[in-house]
Amino acid sequence: MHRQGDVLVVPIAPADLPPGLIDAPRDRRHRMVLALGEATGHAHVLTGERVALLSPPEEPDRLYLLVEGYGRLVHEEHGPISLTPGAYRVVRQREYFPGAIRFVAD
């Protein structure tokens, strides 16, 4: 299990990946962004060889990683995290805000 700021990456068995996943949308710079800082513009980005950022077609914010080669999670304000081959579920930290539960914004 790896934490990088408000993003948690949890290893799962590849068989536990939901069926029908598709490539998650990329940002304007064609990066695989797990979370984008609304205040700073910084991003948690997946890089590497033979890596995929996946999501169910109807839930683009529910993210999974499939690393078949070498994966790395990078961010402008945090140290890089190496990801070994495998499957991962992405969990974004949430906070209570009066009247709502929302993703933490950095």
N, C-alpha and C. Protein backbone atom coordinates (compact mmCIF):
# COMPACT_ATOMS: atom_id res chain seq x y z
N MET A 1 0.85 -1.17 0.00
CA MET A 1 0.00 0.00 0.00
C MET A 1 0.90 1.24 0.00
N HIS A 2 0.55 2.22 -0.83
CA HIS A 2 1.37 3.43 -0.94
C HIS A 2 0.48 4.66 -0.79
N ARG A 3 0.99 5.64 -0.03
CA ARG A 3 0.27 6.91 0.08
C ARG A 3 1.17 8.02 -0.44
N GLN A 4 0.59 8.87 -1.27
CA GLN A 4 1.30 10.05 -1.76
C GLN A 4 0.33 11.22 -1.59
N GLY A 5 0.50 11.96 -0.51
CA GLY A 5 -0.42 13.06 -0.21
C GLY A 5 -1.83 12.54 0.00
N ASP A 6 -2.77 13.05 -0.77
CA ASP A 6 -4.17 12.67 -0.60
C ASP A 6 -4.57 11.48 -1.47
N VAL A 7 -3.58 10.78 -2.04
CA VAL A 7 -3.86 9.61 -2.89
C VAL A 7 -3.29 8.36 -2.23
N LEU A 8 -4.11 7.33 -2.14
CA LEU A 8 -3.71 6.03 -1.62
C LEU A 8 -3.82 5.02 -2.75
N VAL A 9 -2.76 4.20 -2.93
CA VAL A 9 -2.74 3.17 -3.97
C VAL A 9 -2.67 1.82 -3.25
N VAL A 10 -3.71 1.02 -3.44
CA VAL A 10 -3.86 -0.24 -2.71
C VAL A 10 -3.70 -1.41 -3.67
N PRO A 11 -2.73 -2.32 -3.41
CA PRO A 11 -2.60 -3.48 -4.30
C PRO A 11 -3.84 -4.38 -4.19
N ILE A 12 -4.24 -4.92 -5.32
CA ILE A 12 -5.34 -5.88 -5.36
C ILE A 12 -4.93 -7.01 -6.30
N ALA A 13 -5.62 -8.11 -6.20
CA ALA A 13 -5.36 -9.21 -7.12
C ALA A 13 -5.85 -8.81 -8.51
N PRO A 14 -5.09 -9.10 -9.56
CA PRO A 14 -5.57 -8.76 -10.92
C PRO A 14 -6.97 -9.32 -11.20
N ALA A 15 -7.29 -10.47 -10.61
CA ALA A 15 -8.63 -11.05 -10.81
C ALA A 15 -9.73 -10.19 -10.19
N ASP A 16 -9.34 -9.29 -9.26
CA ASP A 16 -10.33 -8.42 -8.62
C ASP A 16 -10.59 -7.14 -9.40
N LEU A 17 -9.88 -6.93 -10.52
CA LEU A 17 -10.19 -5.76 -11.36
C LEU A 17 -11.61 -5.94 -11.91
N PRO A 18 -12.43 -4.90 -11.83
CA PRO A 18 -13.79 -5.02 -12.38
C PRO A 18 -13.75 -5.31 -13.88
N PRO A 19 -14.71 -6.06 -14.37
CA PRO A 19 -14.74 -6.33 -15.82
C PRO A 19 -15.13 -5.06 -16.59
N GLY A 20 -14.68 -5.00 -17.82
CA GLY A 20 -15.09 -3.91 -18.70
C GLY A 20 -14.37 -2.59 -18.51
N LEU A 21 -13.22 -2.61 -17.82
CA LEU A 21 -12.49 -1.35 -17.63
C LEU A 21 -11.97 -0.82 -18.97
N ILE A 22 -11.91 0.50 -19.05
CA ILE A 22 -11.37 1.16 -20.24
C ILE A 22 -10.25 2.11 -19.80
N ASP A 23 -9.47 2.59 -20.75
CA ASP A 23 -8.46 3.59 -20.43
C ASP A 23 -9.15 4.83 -19.87
N ALA A 24 -8.68 5.30 -18.71
CA ALA A 24 -9.25 6.50 -18.10
C ALA A 24 -8.86 7.72 -18.94
N PRO A 25 -9.67 8.75 -18.90
CA PRO A 25 -9.32 9.96 -19.66
C PRO A 25 -7.98 10.53 -19.21
N ARG A 26 -7.25 11.07 -20.15
CA ARG A 26 -5.98 11.73 -19.85
C ARG A 26 -6.18 13.24 -19.83
N ASP A 27 -5.23 13.92 -19.22
CA ASP A 27 -5.37 15.38 -19.17
C ASP A 27 -4.90 15.99 -20.49
N ARG A 28 -4.90 17.31 -20.56
CA ARG A 28 -4.56 18.01 -21.80
C ARG A 28 -3.13 17.76 -22.25
N ARG A 29 -2.26 17.39 -21.29
CA ARG A 29 -0.87 17.10 -21.63
C ARG A 29 -0.67 15.62 -21.89
N HIS A 30 -1.77 14.88 -21.98
CA HIS A 30 -1.79 13.44 -22.26
C HIS A 30 -1.15 12.62 -21.13
N ARG A 31 -1.22 13.15 -19.91
CA ARG A 31 -0.69 12.43 -18.75
C ARG A 31 -1.79 11.57 -18.12
N MET A 32 -1.35 10.51 -17.43
CA MET A 32 -2.28 9.67 -16.68
C MET A 32 -2.36 10.23 -15.25
N VAL A 33 -3.37 11.06 -15.01
CA VAL A 33 -3.50 11.80 -13.75
C VAL A 33 -4.47 11.09 -12.82
N LEU A 34 -3.96 10.74 -11.62
CA LEU A 34 -4.80 10.11 -10.60
C LEU A 34 -5.60 11.16 -9.85
N ALA A 35 -4.99 12.32 -9.59
CA ALA A 35 -5.67 13.40 -8.90
C ALA A 35 -4.97 14.70 -9.27
N LEU A 36 -5.77 15.73 -9.49
CA LEU A 36 -5.25 17.03 -9.87
C LEU A 36 -5.56 18.03 -8.76
N GLY A 37 -4.53 18.75 -8.31
CA GLY A 37 -4.73 19.76 -7.27
C GLY A 37 -5.48 20.96 -7.83
N GLU A 38 -6.63 21.23 -7.24
CA GLU A 38 -7.44 22.35 -7.73
C GLU A 38 -6.80 23.69 -7.38
N ALA A 39 -6.14 23.76 -6.22
CA ALA A 39 -5.56 25.02 -5.79
C ALA A 39 -4.19 25.26 -6.41
N THR A 40 -3.38 24.20 -6.54
CA THR A 40 -2.00 24.36 -7.00
C THR A 40 -1.80 24.00 -8.46
N GLY A 41 -2.66 23.15 -9.01
CA GLY A 41 -2.46 22.65 -10.37
C GLY A 41 -1.49 21.49 -10.42
N HIS A 42 -0.92 21.12 -9.25
CA HIS A 42 -0.04 19.95 -9.21
C HIS A 42 -0.86 18.69 -9.38
N ALA A 43 -0.19 17.62 -9.82
CA ALA A 43 -0.93 16.40 -10.12
C ALA A 43 -0.17 15.16 -9.66
N HIS A 44 -0.92 14.14 -9.26
CA HIS A 44 -0.39 12.81 -9.01
C HIS A 44 -0.48 12.08 -10.35
N VAL A 45 0.67 11.73 -10.92
CA VAL A 45 0.72 11.22 -12.29
C VAL A 45 1.39 9.85 -12.31
N LEU A 46 0.81 8.93 -13.06
CA LEU A 46 1.40 7.61 -13.28
C LEU A 46 2.29 7.67 -14.51
N THR A 47 3.54 7.20 -14.35
CA THR A 47 4.47 7.12 -15.47
C THR A 47 5.04 5.71 -15.49
N GLY A 48 5.77 5.38 -16.54
CA GLY A 48 6.44 4.09 -16.60
C GLY A 48 6.20 3.40 -17.92
N GLU A 49 6.63 2.15 -17.96
CA GLU A 49 6.49 1.33 -19.16
C GLU A 49 5.45 0.25 -18.91
N ARG A 50 4.59 0.05 -19.88
CA ARG A 50 3.51 -0.94 -19.81
C ARG A 50 2.67 -0.73 -18.55
N VAL A 51 2.17 0.50 -18.42
CA VAL A 51 1.27 0.85 -17.32
C VAL A 51 -0.02 1.36 -17.92
N ALA A 52 -1.11 1.20 -17.18
CA ALA A 52 -2.41 1.68 -17.65
C ALA A 52 -3.19 2.24 -16.47
N LEU A 53 -3.86 3.35 -16.73
CA LEU A 53 -4.80 3.95 -15.78
C LEU A 53 -6.19 3.63 -16.33
N LEU A 54 -6.96 2.89 -15.56
CA LEU A 54 -8.23 2.35 -16.05
C LEU A 54 -9.39 2.82 -15.19
N SER A 55 -10.58 2.81 -15.78
CA SER A 55 -11.79 3.15 -15.02
C SER A 55 -12.99 2.46 -15.68
N PRO A 56 -14.05 2.25 -14.90
CA PRO A 56 -15.28 1.77 -15.52
C PRO A 56 -15.82 2.86 -16.47
N PRO A 57 -16.44 2.49 -17.58
CA PRO A 57 -16.89 3.50 -18.54
C PRO A 57 -17.85 4.53 -17.95
N GLU A 58 -18.67 4.10 -17.00
CA GLU A 58 -19.66 5.01 -16.45
C GLU A 58 -19.19 5.73 -15.18
N GLU A 59 -17.95 5.42 -14.72
CA GLU A 59 -17.43 6.04 -13.50
C GLU A 59 -15.97 6.47 -13.71
N PRO A 60 -15.71 7.53 -14.44
CA PRO A 60 -14.33 7.91 -14.75
C PRO A 60 -13.51 8.33 -13.54
N ASP A 61 -14.14 8.62 -12.40
CA ASP A 61 -13.39 8.98 -11.20
C ASP A 61 -12.99 7.77 -10.36
N ARG A 62 -13.49 6.58 -10.69
CA ARG A 62 -13.12 5.36 -9.96
C ARG A 62 -11.95 4.73 -10.72
N LEU A 63 -10.77 4.82 -10.17
CA LEU A 63 -9.56 4.50 -10.93
C LEU A 63 -8.86 3.24 -10.43
N TYR A 64 -8.25 2.56 -11.40
CA TYR A 64 -7.43 1.38 -11.14
C TYR A 64 -6.14 1.52 -11.96
N LEU A 65 -5.08 0.90 -11.45
CA LEU A 65 -3.80 0.88 -12.16
C LEU A 65 -3.47 -0.55 -12.51
N LEU A 66 -2.95 -0.75 -13.70
CA LEU A 66 -2.42 -2.05 -14.10
C LEU A 66 -0.98 -1.81 -14.52
N VAL A 67 -0.06 -2.37 -13.76
CA VAL A 67 1.37 -2.21 -14.02
C VAL A 67 1.91 -3.56 -14.46
N GLU A 68 2.32 -3.64 -15.71
CA GLU A 68 2.88 -4.89 -16.24
C GLU A 68 4.39 -4.79 -16.40
N GLY A 69 4.92 -3.58 -16.36
CA GLY A 69 6.35 -3.36 -16.46
C GLY A 69 6.84 -2.63 -15.23
N TYR A 70 7.25 -1.37 -15.44
CA TYR A 70 7.75 -0.54 -14.35
C TYR A 70 6.83 0.66 -14.19
N GLY A 71 6.30 0.85 -12.99
CA GLY A 71 5.41 1.98 -12.74
C GLY A 71 5.99 2.92 -11.72
N ARG A 72 5.62 4.19 -11.87
CA ARG A 72 6.10 5.20 -10.95
C ARG A 72 5.01 6.24 -10.77
N LEU A 73 4.77 6.60 -9.51
CA LEU A 73 3.81 7.65 -9.19
C LEU A 73 4.60 8.89 -8.83
N VAL A 74 4.37 9.99 -9.54
CA VAL A 74 5.15 11.22 -9.31
C VAL A 74 4.21 12.39 -9.00
N HIS A 75 4.76 13.37 -8.29
CA HIS A 75 4.02 14.58 -7.92
C HIS A 75 5.06 15.67 -7.67
N GLU A 76 4.70 16.90 -7.96
CA GLU A 76 5.63 18.01 -7.83
C GLU A 76 6.11 18.24 -6.39
N GLU A 77 5.30 17.90 -5.39
CA GLU A 77 5.64 18.20 -4.00
C GLU A 77 5.98 16.96 -3.17
N HIS A 78 5.91 15.78 -3.76
CA HIS A 78 6.16 14.55 -3.01
C HIS A 78 7.23 13.74 -3.74
N GLY A 79 7.89 12.87 -2.97
CA GLY A 79 8.87 11.99 -3.58
C GLY A 79 8.19 10.96 -4.46
N PRO A 80 8.90 10.47 -5.51
CA PRO A 80 8.31 9.46 -6.39
C PRO A 80 8.14 8.13 -5.65
N ILE A 81 7.16 7.36 -6.08
CA ILE A 81 6.89 6.04 -5.52
C ILE A 81 6.98 5.04 -6.66
N SER A 82 7.83 4.03 -6.48
CA SER A 82 7.93 2.94 -7.47
C SER A 82 6.81 1.94 -7.24
N LEU A 83 6.21 1.50 -8.33
CA LEU A 83 5.15 0.51 -8.26
C LEU A 83 5.61 -0.76 -8.95
N THR A 84 5.55 -1.85 -8.23
CA THR A 84 5.92 -3.14 -8.82
C THR A 84 4.77 -3.64 -9.69
N PRO A 85 5.05 -4.58 -10.59
CA PRO A 85 3.98 -5.11 -11.44
C PRO A 85 2.82 -5.64 -10.61
N GLY A 86 1.62 -5.35 -11.09
CA GLY A 86 0.42 -5.80 -10.39
C GLY A 86 -0.74 -4.87 -10.69
N ALA A 87 -1.82 -5.11 -9.97
CA ALA A 87 -3.02 -4.29 -10.10
C ALA A 87 -3.21 -3.51 -8.80
N TYR A 88 -3.78 -2.31 -8.95
CA TYR A 88 -3.97 -1.43 -7.80
C TYR A 88 -5.31 -0.71 -7.92
N ARG A 89 -5.87 -0.43 -6.77
CA ARG A 89 -7.07 0.41 -6.69
C ARG A 89 -6.62 1.77 -6.16
N VAL A 90 -7.14 2.85 -6.73
CA VAL A 90 -6.79 4.20 -6.32
C VAL A 90 -7.90 4.73 -5.40
N VAL A 91 -7.47 5.21 -4.23
CA VAL A 91 -8.41 5.79 -3.27
C VAL A 91 -8.00 7.23 -3.02
N ARG A 92 -8.92 8.14 -3.23
CA ARG A 92 -8.63 9.55 -2.95
C ARG A 92 -9.21 9.90 -1.59
N GLN A 93 -8.41 10.63 -0.80
CA GLN A 93 -8.85 11.03 0.52
C GLN A 93 -10.04 11.97 0.40
N ARG A 94 -10.99 11.77 1.29
CA ARG A 94 -12.18 12.62 1.30
C ARG A 94 -12.25 13.33 2.64
N GLU A 95 -12.99 14.40 2.68
CA GLU A 95 -13.18 15.15 3.91
C GLU A 95 -14.64 15.55 4.03
N TYR A 96 -15.04 15.73 5.29
CA TYR A 96 -16.40 16.20 5.52
C TYR A 96 -16.39 17.71 5.44
N PHE A 97 -17.29 18.25 4.69
CA PHE A 97 -17.51 19.68 4.58
C PHE A 97 -18.99 19.86 4.88
N PRO A 98 -19.37 20.80 5.72
CA PRO A 98 -20.78 20.90 6.10
C PRO A 98 -21.72 20.73 4.90
N GLY A 99 -22.50 19.67 4.98
CA GLY A 99 -23.48 19.41 3.93
C GLY A 99 -23.00 18.48 2.84
N ALA A 100 -21.71 18.08 2.88
CA ALA A 100 -21.22 17.23 1.79
C ALA A 100 -19.95 16.50 2.22
N ILE A 101 -19.66 15.40 1.55
CA ILE A 101 -18.37 14.73 1.65
C ILE A 101 -17.70 14.91 0.30
N ARG A 102 -16.50 15.45 0.31
CA ARG A 102 -15.85 15.77 -0.96
C ARG A 102 -14.40 15.32 -0.95
N PHE A 103 -13.79 15.25 -2.15
CA PHE A 103 -12.39 14.93 -2.25
C PHE A 103 -11.58 16.07 -1.64
N VAL A 104 -10.47 15.72 -0.98
CA VAL A 104 -9.57 16.73 -0.44
C VAL A 104 -8.95 17.50 -1.60
N ALA A 105 -8.97 18.81 -1.52
CA ALA A 105 -8.37 19.66 -2.56
C ALA A 105 -7.07 20.22 -2.02
N ASP A 106 -5.98 20.04 -2.78
CA ASP A 106 -4.71 20.64 -2.33
C ASP A 106 -4.35 21.80 -3.19
